[in-house]
Amino acid sequence: MLKLRIVSPEKVVYNGEAESLKVPGMMGEFEILDNHAPIISSLVTGIVVYTTREGSNSLPVKGGFVEVKKNEVSLCVEV
């Protein structure tokens, strides 16, 4: 499981566990799963999709960035 934290300038959008995450990167959409290599990437306008045990969730974003390290994923996004 991934530890996922999604924040916007206004509030914490999500803070909890996730099974997977798809984000709109500068070079195209990519997926983050358990044990993903460390990465920092800019995000473009698109949809962030994250899957938890309860189901799939989507969040439209205007941009931001994502950082992944040791199964901890941080997204700072503009919604």
C-alpha atoms as a PDB file:
ATOM      1  CA  MET A   1       0.000   0.000   0.000  1.00  0.00           C
ATOM      2  CA  LEU A   2       1.015   3.549  -0.687  1.00  0.00           C
ATOM      3  CA  LYS A   3       0.752   6.349   1.852  1.00  0.00           C
ATOM      4  CA  LEU A   4      -0.921   9.104  -0.186  1.00  0.00           C
ATOM      5  CA  ARG A   5      -1.287  12.768   0.707  1.00  0.00           C
ATOM      6  CA  ILE A   6      -2.981  15.171  -1.715  1.00  0.00           C
ATOM      7  CA  VAL A   7      -2.951  18.851  -0.792  1.00  0.00           C
ATOM      8  CA  SER A   8      -4.164  21.985  -2.523  1.00  0.00           C
ATOM      9  CA  PRO A   9      -3.560  25.591  -1.432  1.00  0.00           C
ATOM     10  CA  GLU A  10      -7.018  25.549   0.196  1.00  0.00           C
ATOM     11  CA  LYS A  11      -7.072  22.211   2.050  1.00  0.00           C
ATOM     12  CA  VAL A  12      -5.882  18.642   2.454  1.00  0.00           C
ATOM     13  CA  VAL A  13      -7.848  16.769  -0.221  1.00  0.00           C
ATOM     14  CA  TYR A  14      -6.867  13.226   0.862  1.00  0.00           C
ATOM     15  CA  ASN A  15      -4.573  11.705   3.446  1.00  0.00           C
ATOM     16  CA  GLY A  16      -4.539   7.913   3.725  1.00  0.00           C
ATOM     17  CA  GLU A  17      -3.662   4.655   2.015  1.00  0.00           C
ATOM     18  CA  ALA A  18      -3.987   3.960  -1.691  1.00  0.00           C
ATOM     19  CA  GLU A  19      -3.389   0.905  -3.853  1.00  0.00           C
ATOM     20  CA  SER A  20      -2.509   2.851  -7.015  1.00  0.00           C
ATOM     21  CA  LEU A  21      -2.420   6.346  -8.428  1.00  0.00           C
ATOM     22  CA  LYS A  22      -2.540   7.747 -11.983  1.00  0.00           C
ATOM     23  CA  VAL A  23      -1.357  11.302 -12.588  1.00  0.00           C
ATOM     24  CA  PRO A  24      -1.128  13.598 -15.644  1.00  0.00           C
ATOM     25  CA  GLY A  25       2.646  14.110 -15.993  1.00  0.00           C
ATOM     26  CA  MET A  26       4.380  16.518 -18.377  1.00  0.00           C
ATOM     27  CA  MET A  27       5.246  13.642 -20.743  1.00  0.00           C
ATOM     28  CA  GLY A  28       1.882  11.892 -20.378  1.00  0.00           C
ATOM     29  CA  GLU A  29      -0.137  10.016 -17.806  1.00  0.00           C
ATOM     30  CA  PHE A  30       1.730   7.561 -15.588  1.00  0.00           C
ATOM     31  CA  GLU A  31       0.810   5.154 -12.815  1.00  0.00           C
ATOM     32  CA  ILE A  32       2.377   4.791  -9.383  1.00  0.00           C
ATOM     33  CA  LEU A  33       2.213   1.424  -7.605  1.00  0.00           C
ATOM     34  CA  ASP A  34       3.869  -0.136  -4.527  1.00  0.00           C
ATOM     35  CA  ASN A  35       7.677   0.119  -4.503  1.00  0.00           C
ATOM     36  CA  HIS A  36       7.772   2.714  -7.299  1.00  0.00           C
ATOM     37  CA  ALA A  37      11.197   4.245  -7.921  1.00  0.00           C
ATOM     38  CA  PRO A  38      11.753   7.652  -6.286  1.00  0.00           C
ATOM     39  CA  ILE A  39      10.549  10.438  -8.574  1.00  0.00           C
ATOM     40  CA  ILE A  40       9.582  14.088  -8.639  1.00  0.00           C
ATOM     41  CA  SER A  41       7.460  15.232 -11.584  1.00  0.00           C
ATOM     42  CA  SER A  42       5.447  18.253 -12.635  1.00  0.00           C
ATOM     43  CA  LEU A  43       1.760  17.732 -13.325  1.00  0.00           C
ATOM     44  CA  VAL A  44      -0.338  19.305 -16.061  1.00  0.00           C
ATOM     45  CA  THR A  45      -4.085  19.840 -16.398  1.00  0.00           C
ATOM     46  CA  GLY A  46      -5.874  16.497 -16.203  1.00  0.00           C
ATOM     47  CA  ILE A  47      -7.403  13.956 -13.857  1.00  0.00           C
ATOM     48  CA  VAL A  48      -5.704  12.337 -10.856  1.00  0.00           C
ATOM     49  CA  VAL A  49      -7.176   8.880 -10.228  1.00  0.00           C
ATOM     50  CA  TYR A  50      -6.394   7.024  -7.020  1.00  0.00           C
ATOM     51  CA  THR A  51      -7.666   3.645  -5.888  1.00  0.00           C
ATOM     52  CA  THR A  52      -8.284   2.832  -2.233  1.00  0.00           C
ATOM     53  CA  ARG A  53      -9.810  -0.252  -0.609  1.00  0.00           C
ATOM     54  CA  GLU A  54     -13.170   1.526  -0.785  1.00  0.00           C
ATOM     55  CA  GLY A  55     -12.932   2.120  -4.542  1.00  0.00           C
ATOM     56  CA  SER A  56     -11.657   4.500  -7.181  1.00  0.00           C
ATOM     57  CA  ASN A  57     -11.636   8.296  -6.815  1.00  0.00           C
ATOM     58  CA  SER A  58     -10.889  11.020  -9.346  1.00  0.00           C
ATOM     59  CA  LEU A  59      -9.800  14.615  -8.896  1.00  0.00           C
ATOM     60  CA  PRO A  60      -9.547  17.162 -11.743  1.00  0.00           C
ATOM     61  CA  VAL A  61      -6.356  19.241 -11.410  1.00  0.00           C
ATOM     62  CA  LYS A  62      -4.964  22.292 -13.185  1.00  0.00           C
ATOM     63  CA  GLY A  63      -1.346  21.408 -12.413  1.00  0.00           C
ATOM     64  CA  GLY A  64       1.063  20.770  -9.574  1.00  0.00           C
ATOM     65  CA  PHE A  65       3.749  18.244  -8.748  1.00  0.00           C
ATOM     66  CA  VAL A  66       4.143  14.728  -7.356  1.00  0.00           C
ATOM     67  CA  GLU A  67       6.930  13.257  -5.220  1.00  0.00           C
ATOM     68  CA  VAL A  68       7.372   9.532  -4.563  1.00  0.00           C
ATOM     69  CA  LYS A  69       9.812   8.025  -2.068  1.00  0.00           C
ATOM     70  CA  LYS A  70       9.649   4.812  -0.031  1.00  0.00           C
ATOM     71  CA  ASN A  71       5.950   4.175  -0.791  1.00  0.00           C
ATOM     72  CA  GLU A  72       5.046   7.697   0.344  1.00  0.00           C
ATOM     73  CA  VAL A  73       3.398   9.815  -2.342  1.00  0.00           C
ATOM     74  CA  SER A  74       2.859  13.555  -1.951  1.00  0.00           C
ATOM     75  CA  LEU A  75       0.797  15.551  -4.442  1.00  0.00           C
ATOM     76  CA  CYS A  76       0.593  19.319  -4.327  1.00  0.00           C
ATOM     77  CA  VAL A  77      -2.108  20.286  -6.801  1.00  0.00           C
ATOM     78  CA  GLU A  78      -4.162  23.217  -7.988  1.00  0.00           C
ATOM     79  CA  VAL A  79      -7.819  22.189  -8.227  1.00  0.00           C
END
